[in-house]
C-alpha atoms as a PDB file:
ATOM      1  CA  ILE A   1     -10.298  40.168  -0.327  1.00  0.00           C
ATOM      2  CA  ALA A   2      -8.216  38.279   2.212  1.00  0.00           C
ATOM      3  CA  VAL A   3      -5.784  35.765   0.749  1.00  0.00           C
ATOM      4  CA  THR A   4      -3.818  33.106   2.606  1.00  0.00           C
ATOM      5  CA  VAL A   5      -0.686  31.776   0.934  1.00  0.00           C
ATOM      6  CA  VAL A   6       0.591  28.442   2.175  1.00  0.00           C
ATOM      7  CA  GLU A   7       4.164  27.657   1.121  1.00  0.00           C
ATOM      8  CA  ARG A   8       6.558  25.325   2.890  1.00  0.00           C
ATOM      9  CA  ASN A   9       9.660  27.070   1.514  1.00  0.00           C
ATOM     10  CA  THR A  10      11.000  30.528   2.279  1.00  0.00           C
ATOM     11  CA  ARG A  11      10.176  31.680  -1.263  1.00  0.00           C
ATOM     12  CA  LEU A  12       7.122  31.401  -3.494  1.00  0.00           C
ATOM     13  CA  GLY A  13       6.919  29.388  -6.701  1.00  0.00           C
ATOM     14  CA  GLY A  14       7.497  25.804  -5.665  1.00  0.00           C
ATOM     15  CA  ARG A  15       9.908  24.178  -8.098  1.00  0.00           C
ATOM     16  CA  ALA A  16       9.628  26.985 -10.649  1.00  0.00           C
ATOM     17  CA  SER A  17      12.606  29.225 -10.000  1.00  0.00           C
ATOM     18  CA  SER A  18      16.031  30.345 -11.126  1.00  0.00           C
ATOM     19  CA  TRP A  19      19.315  30.559  -9.251  1.00  0.00           C
ATOM     20  CA  ARG A  20      22.743  31.840 -10.141  1.00  0.00           C
ATOM     21  CA  GLU A  21      25.558  29.282 -10.175  1.00  0.00           C
ATOM     22  CA  PRO A  22      28.275  30.873  -7.997  1.00  0.00           C
ATOM     23  CA  VAL A  23      31.347  29.805  -9.999  1.00  0.00           C
ATOM     24  CA  THR A  24      30.206  30.564 -13.562  1.00  0.00           C
ATOM     25  CA  GLY A  25      27.531  33.148 -12.816  1.00  0.00           C
ATOM     26  CA  ASP A  26      25.151  31.286 -15.166  1.00  0.00           C
ATOM     27  CA  VAL A  27      21.443  31.375 -14.401  1.00  0.00           C
ATOM     28  CA  VAL A  28      20.092  27.864 -13.828  1.00  0.00           C
ATOM     29  CA  ASP A  29      16.350  27.407 -14.322  1.00  0.00           C
ATOM     30  CA  ILE A  30      14.316  24.888 -12.387  1.00  0.00           C
ATOM     31  CA  GLY A  31      10.754  24.375 -13.536  1.00  0.00           C
ATOM     32  CA  PRO A  32       9.082  24.931 -16.902  1.00  0.00           C
ATOM     33  CA  HIS A  33      12.107  25.591 -19.091  1.00  0.00           C
ATOM     34  CA  ILE A  34      10.709  24.330 -22.380  1.00  0.00           C
ATOM     35  CA  PHE A  35       7.541  25.741 -23.903  1.00  0.00           C
ATOM     36  CA  HIS A  36       5.387  24.362 -26.691  1.00  0.00           C
ATOM     37  CA  SER A  37       3.169  26.142 -29.155  1.00  0.00           C
ATOM     38  CA  GLU A  38      -0.013  24.401 -27.982  1.00  0.00           C
ATOM     39  CA  TYR A  39       0.381  25.330 -24.300  1.00  0.00           C
ATOM     40  CA  HIS A  40      -2.242  28.059 -24.622  1.00  0.00           C
ATOM     41  CA  ASN A  41      -2.650  28.832 -20.914  1.00  0.00           C
ATOM     42  CA  MET A  42       1.075  29.397 -20.361  1.00  0.00           C
ATOM     43  CA  LEU A  43       1.371  31.537 -23.494  1.00  0.00           C
ATOM     44  CA  ALA A  44      -1.647  33.616 -22.430  1.00  0.00           C
ATOM     45  CA  PHE A  45      -0.055  34.032 -18.996  1.00  0.00           C
ATOM     46  CA  LEU A  46       3.230  35.194 -20.525  1.00  0.00           C
ATOM     47  CA  ALA A  47       1.327  37.591 -22.817  1.00  0.00           C
ATOM     48  CA  ARG A  48      -0.380  39.069 -19.743  1.00  0.00           C
ATOM     49  CA  LEU A  49       3.015  39.527 -18.121  1.00  0.00           C
ATOM     50  CA  GLY A  50       4.389  41.106 -21.294  1.00  0.00           C
ATOM     51  CA  THR A  51       7.128  38.478 -21.641  1.00  0.00           C
ATOM     52  CA  LYS A  52       5.728  36.206 -24.382  1.00  0.00           C
ATOM     53  CA  ASP A  53       8.236  37.638 -26.877  1.00  0.00           C
ATOM     54  CA  LEU A  54      11.075  36.308 -24.708  1.00  0.00           C
ATOM     55  CA  ILE A  55      10.482  32.762 -25.979  1.00  0.00           C
ATOM     56  CA  CYS A  56      12.889  31.677 -28.711  1.00  0.00           C
ATOM     57  CA  TRP A  57      10.926  29.261 -30.922  1.00  0.00           C
ATOM     58  CA  GLN A  58      12.803  26.494 -32.725  1.00  0.00           C
ATOM     59  CA  PRO A  59      12.338  26.972 -36.471  1.00  0.00           C
ATOM     60  CA  GLY A  60      11.987  23.976 -38.739  1.00  0.00           C
ATOM     61  CA  LYS A  61      12.065  21.325 -36.037  1.00  0.00           C
ATOM     62  CA  VAL A  62      10.141  20.216 -33.001  1.00  0.00           C
ATOM     63  CA  LEU A  63      13.193  19.438 -30.873  1.00  0.00           C
ATOM     64  CA  THR A  64      16.414  17.480 -30.768  1.00  0.00           C
ATOM     65  CA  VAL A  65      16.742  14.387 -28.588  1.00  0.00           C
ATOM     66  CA  ALA A  66      20.323  14.089 -27.321  1.00  0.00           C
ATOM     67  CA  SER A  67      20.595  10.397 -28.151  1.00  0.00           C
ATOM     68  CA  LYS A  68      23.817   8.450 -28.623  1.00  0.00           C
ATOM     69  CA  PRO A  69      25.739   7.964 -30.816  1.00  0.00           C
ATOM     70  CA  ARG A  70      24.044  10.877 -32.617  1.00  0.00           C
ATOM     71  CA  PRO A  71      21.236  13.289 -31.799  1.00  0.00           C
ATOM     72  CA  THR A  72      17.790  12.654 -33.232  1.00  0.00           C
ATOM     73  CA  VAL A  73      16.152  15.733 -34.750  1.00  0.00           C
ATOM     74  CA  LEU A  74      12.369  15.534 -34.625  1.00  0.00           C
ATOM     75  CA  ARG A  75      10.659  17.350 -37.501  1.00  0.00           C
ATOM     76  CA  HIS A  76       7.101  17.338 -38.778  1.00  0.00           C
ATOM     77  CA  TRP A  77       6.640  15.531 -42.063  1.00  0.00           C
ATOM     78  CA  PRO A  78       3.666  16.070 -44.394  1.00  0.00           C
ATOM     79  CA  LEU A  79       1.567  13.394 -42.694  1.00  0.00           C
ATOM     80  CA  PRO A  80      -1.546  13.797 -40.554  1.00  0.00           C
ATOM     81  CA  ALA A  81      -1.210  13.968 -36.778  1.00  0.00           C
ATOM     82  CA  PRO A  82      -0.137  11.908 -34.881  1.00  0.00           C
ATOM     83  CA  LEU A  83       1.959  10.345 -37.667  1.00  0.00           C
ATOM     84  CA  SER A  84       3.804  13.538 -38.657  1.00  0.00           C
ATOM     85  CA  LEU A  85       6.757  12.836 -36.329  1.00  0.00           C
ATOM     86  CA  MET A  86       7.005   9.132 -37.168  1.00  0.00           C
ATOM     87  CA  PRO A  87       9.656   9.403 -39.950  1.00  0.00           C
ATOM     88  CA  SER A  88      11.948  11.287 -37.555  1.00  0.00           C
ATOM     89  CA  ILE A  89      11.330   8.906 -34.669  1.00  0.00           C
ATOM     90  CA  LEU A  90      12.127   5.946 -36.934  1.00  0.00           C
ATOM     91  CA  GLN A  91      15.665   7.367 -37.254  1.00  0.00           C
ATOM     92  CA  ALA A  92      16.386   7.007 -33.527  1.00  0.00           C
ATOM     93  CA  PRO A  93      19.635   5.088 -32.995  1.00  0.00           C
ATOM     94  CA  GLY A  94      19.501   1.762 -31.179  1.00  0.00           C
ATOM     95  CA  LEU A  95      15.776   1.096 -31.623  1.00  0.00           C
ATOM     96  CA  ASP A  96      14.263  -1.616 -33.788  1.00  0.00           C
ATOM     97  CA  ALA A  97      10.831  -2.606 -35.067  1.00  0.00           C
ATOM     98  CA  ALA A  98       9.951  -4.379 -31.803  1.00  0.00           C
ATOM     99  CA  ASP A  99      10.648  -1.177 -29.844  1.00  0.00           C
ATOM    100  CA  TYR A 100       8.411   0.877 -32.139  1.00  0.00           C
ATOM    101  CA  LEU A 101       5.635  -1.716 -32.087  1.00  0.00           C
ATOM    102  CA  SER A 102       5.784  -1.814 -28.279  1.00  0.00           C
ATOM    103  CA  MET A 103       4.395   1.744 -28.343  1.00  0.00           C
ATOM    104  CA  ALA A 104       1.148   0.840 -30.122  1.00  0.00           C
ATOM    105  CA  GLY A 105      -0.986   0.224 -27.026  1.00  0.00           C
ATOM    106  CA  VAL A 106       0.196   3.320 -25.164  1.00  0.00           C
ATOM    107  CA  GLY A 107      -0.082   5.438 -28.298  1.00  0.00           C
ATOM    108  CA  TRP A 108      -3.647   4.345 -28.892  1.00  0.00           C
ATOM    109  CA  ARG A 109      -4.592   4.847 -25.238  1.00  0.00           C
ATOM    110  CA  GLY A 110      -3.023   8.302 -25.240  1.00  0.00           C
ATOM    111  CA  MET A 111      -4.982   9.389 -28.299  1.00  0.00           C
ATOM    112  CA  ARG A 112      -8.233   8.303 -26.610  1.00  0.00           C
ATOM    113  CA  PHE A 113      -7.317   9.800 -23.215  1.00  0.00           C
ATOM    114  CA  GLY A 114     -10.069  11.717 -21.443  1.00  0.00           C
ATOM    115  CA  GLU A 115     -10.124  13.561 -18.137  1.00  0.00           C
ATOM    116  CA  GLU A 116     -12.470  10.899 -16.711  1.00  0.00           C
ATOM    117  CA  GLN A 117      -9.436   8.559 -16.675  1.00  0.00           C
ATOM    118  CA  VAL A 118      -7.376  10.808 -14.379  1.00  0.00           C
ATOM    119  CA  PRO A 119      -8.411   9.292 -10.990  1.00  0.00           C
ATOM    120  CA  GLU A 120      -7.522   5.763 -12.128  1.00  0.00           C
ATOM    121  CA  LEU A 121      -4.242   6.719 -13.828  1.00  0.00           C
ATOM    122  CA  ASP A 122      -3.152   9.123 -11.100  1.00  0.00           C
ATOM    123  CA  ARG A 123      -2.624   6.149  -8.791  1.00  0.00           C
ATOM    124  CA  ILE A 124      -0.098   4.543 -11.164  1.00  0.00           C
ATOM    125  CA  SER A 125       3.422   5.738 -11.878  1.00  0.00           C
ATOM    126  CA  ALA A 126       4.106   6.447 -15.537  1.00  0.00           C
ATOM    127  CA  LEU A 127       6.959   3.928 -15.467  1.00  0.00           C
ATOM    128  CA  ASP A 128       4.709   1.138 -14.157  1.00  0.00           C
ATOM    129  CA  PHE A 129       2.031   2.112 -16.675  1.00  0.00           C
ATOM    130  CA  LEU A 130       4.445   1.935 -19.621  1.00  0.00           C
ATOM    131  CA  ARG A 131       5.884  -1.387 -18.484  1.00  0.00           C
ATOM    132  CA  GLY A 132       2.376  -2.730 -17.868  1.00  0.00           C
ATOM    133  CA  HIS A 133       1.478  -1.878 -21.472  1.00  0.00           C
ATOM    134  CA  GLY A 134       4.539  -3.707 -22.809  1.00  0.00           C
ATOM    135  CA  VAL A 135       6.620  -0.702 -23.868  1.00  0.00           C
ATOM    136  CA  SER A 136      10.202  -1.866 -24.373  1.00  0.00           C
ATOM    137  CA  GLU A 137      12.888  -0.714 -21.948  1.00  0.00           C
ATOM    138  CA  ARG A 138      14.847   0.800 -24.839  1.00  0.00           C
ATOM    139  CA  MET A 139      11.854   2.911 -25.865  1.00  0.00           C
ATOM    140  CA  ILE A 140      11.256   3.885 -22.245  1.00  0.00           C
ATOM    141  CA  ASP A 141      14.887   4.958 -21.934  1.00  0.00           C
ATOM    142  CA  TRP A 142      15.090   6.748 -25.295  1.00  0.00           C
ATOM    143  CA  TRP A 143      11.760   8.574 -25.360  1.00  0.00           C
ATOM    144  CA  TRP A 144       9.656   8.407 -22.209  1.00  0.00           C
ATOM    145  CA  ARG A 145      12.306   9.276 -19.605  1.00  0.00           C
ATOM    146  CA  PHE A 146      13.256  12.250 -21.755  1.00  0.00           C
ATOM    147  CA  ALA A 147       9.627  13.292 -22.349  1.00  0.00           C
ATOM    148  CA  ALA A 148       8.718  13.110 -18.663  1.00  0.00           C
ATOM    149  CA  MET A 149      11.638  15.323 -17.655  1.00  0.00           C
ATOM    150  CA  VAL A 150      11.148  17.804 -20.483  1.00  0.00           C
ATOM    151  CA  VAL A 151       7.436  18.317 -20.009  1.00  0.00           C
ATOM    152  CA  THR A 152       6.774  17.589 -16.318  1.00  0.00           C
ATOM    153  CA  ASN A 153      10.261  18.117 -14.865  1.00  0.00           C
ATOM    154  CA  VAL A 154       9.706  14.925 -12.885  1.00  0.00           C
ATOM    155  CA  PRO A 155      11.477  11.564 -13.332  1.00  0.00           C
ATOM    156  CA  LEU A 156       9.330   8.915 -14.998  1.00  0.00           C
ATOM    157  CA  GLN A 157       9.014   6.837 -11.841  1.00  0.00           C
ATOM    158  CA  ARG A 158       7.591   9.862  -9.960  1.00  0.00           C
ATOM    159  CA  CYS A 159       5.340  11.077 -12.777  1.00  0.00           C
ATOM    160  CA  SER A 160       1.765   9.795 -12.720  1.00  0.00           C
ATOM    161  CA  ALA A 161       0.431   7.855 -15.681  1.00  0.00           C
ATOM    162  CA  ALA A 162      -2.392  10.437 -15.865  1.00  0.00           C
ATOM    163  CA  SER A 163       0.093  13.284 -16.368  1.00  0.00           C
ATOM    164  CA  LEU A 164       1.970  11.370 -19.036  1.00  0.00           C
ATOM    165  CA  MET A 165      -1.186  10.374 -20.931  1.00  0.00           C
ATOM    166  CA  ARG A 166      -2.623  13.901 -20.697  1.00  0.00           C
ATOM    167  CA  ILE A 167       0.566  15.284 -22.238  1.00  0.00           C
ATOM    168  CA  HIS A 168       0.607  12.592 -24.927  1.00  0.00           C
ATOM    169  CA  ALA A 169      -3.037  13.289 -25.794  1.00  0.00           C
ATOM    170  CA  GLN A 170      -2.455  17.029 -25.972  1.00  0.00           C
ATOM    171  CA  LEU A 171       0.724  16.921 -28.009  1.00  0.00           C
ATOM    172  CA  SER A 172       0.028  14.061 -30.423  1.00  0.00           C
ATOM    173  CA  GLY A 173      -2.887  15.822 -32.068  1.00  0.00           C
ATOM    174  CA  TYR A 174      -0.922  18.756 -33.523  1.00  0.00           C
ATOM    175  CA  ARG A 175       1.058  18.511 -36.718  1.00  0.00           C
ATOM    176  CA  GLY A 176       2.455  22.031 -36.331  1.00  0.00           C
ATOM    177  CA  LEU A 177       3.573  21.664 -32.714  1.00  0.00           C
ATOM    178  CA  HIS A 178       6.948  23.205 -31.951  1.00  0.00           C
ATOM    179  CA  PHE A 179       9.000  24.026 -28.881  1.00  0.00           C
ATOM    180  CA  GLY A 180      10.775  27.103 -27.618  1.00  0.00           C
ATOM    181  CA  PHE A 181      13.149  28.149 -24.876  1.00  0.00           C
ATOM    182  CA  ALA A 182      13.178  31.251 -22.717  1.00  0.00           C
ATOM    183  CA  ARG A 183      15.812  33.825 -23.675  1.00  0.00           C
ATOM    184  CA  VAL A 184      16.050  34.837 -20.026  1.00  0.00           C
ATOM    185  CA  GLY A 185      15.937  33.052 -16.674  1.00  0.00           C
ATOM    186  CA  LEU A 186      12.558  31.954 -15.403  1.00  0.00           C
ATOM    187  CA  GLY A 187      12.707  34.599 -12.703  1.00  0.00           C
ATOM    188  CA  GLU A 188      12.846  37.283 -15.402  1.00  0.00           C
ATOM    189  CA  LEU A 189      10.332  35.575 -17.636  1.00  0.00           C
END
């Protein structure tokens, strides 16, 4: 079988790569650096490569949001999905009831998201979509900018609304969802 690879860079992989910082010698990963338990295709791919055991899963919590003045630890509570994270999210510093209520429309739309909505939502930036649905700027800054970078590795203004809603739909339906980090650089993984 003849295969043609088209790549504009001198190396394969697009944005998924690792490089060594020259001063410290640390490996810096660019690309999918956080994994979640419901990302079945990626986990199957890593199993095929024999590197699935190189993911360090976070026990007892979903993740920690580096918010100021204190971090917010997201944990699952004994509530049905998508409410299981709500008690943790309600502890976020600097947000009030209006910020939480501003999420209602986007939350509901995300839970009803279907692939038939992709063409429409792909034409809209996630930032414009959130603002158009009345999500408060504080909630955008605290949660959505973080979520877009963590999951898509793209700033919110460059992420499509379709990508953001697809992620929301996939992740909000799992009460046992948890995240992990590679124990090695992406190049090794």
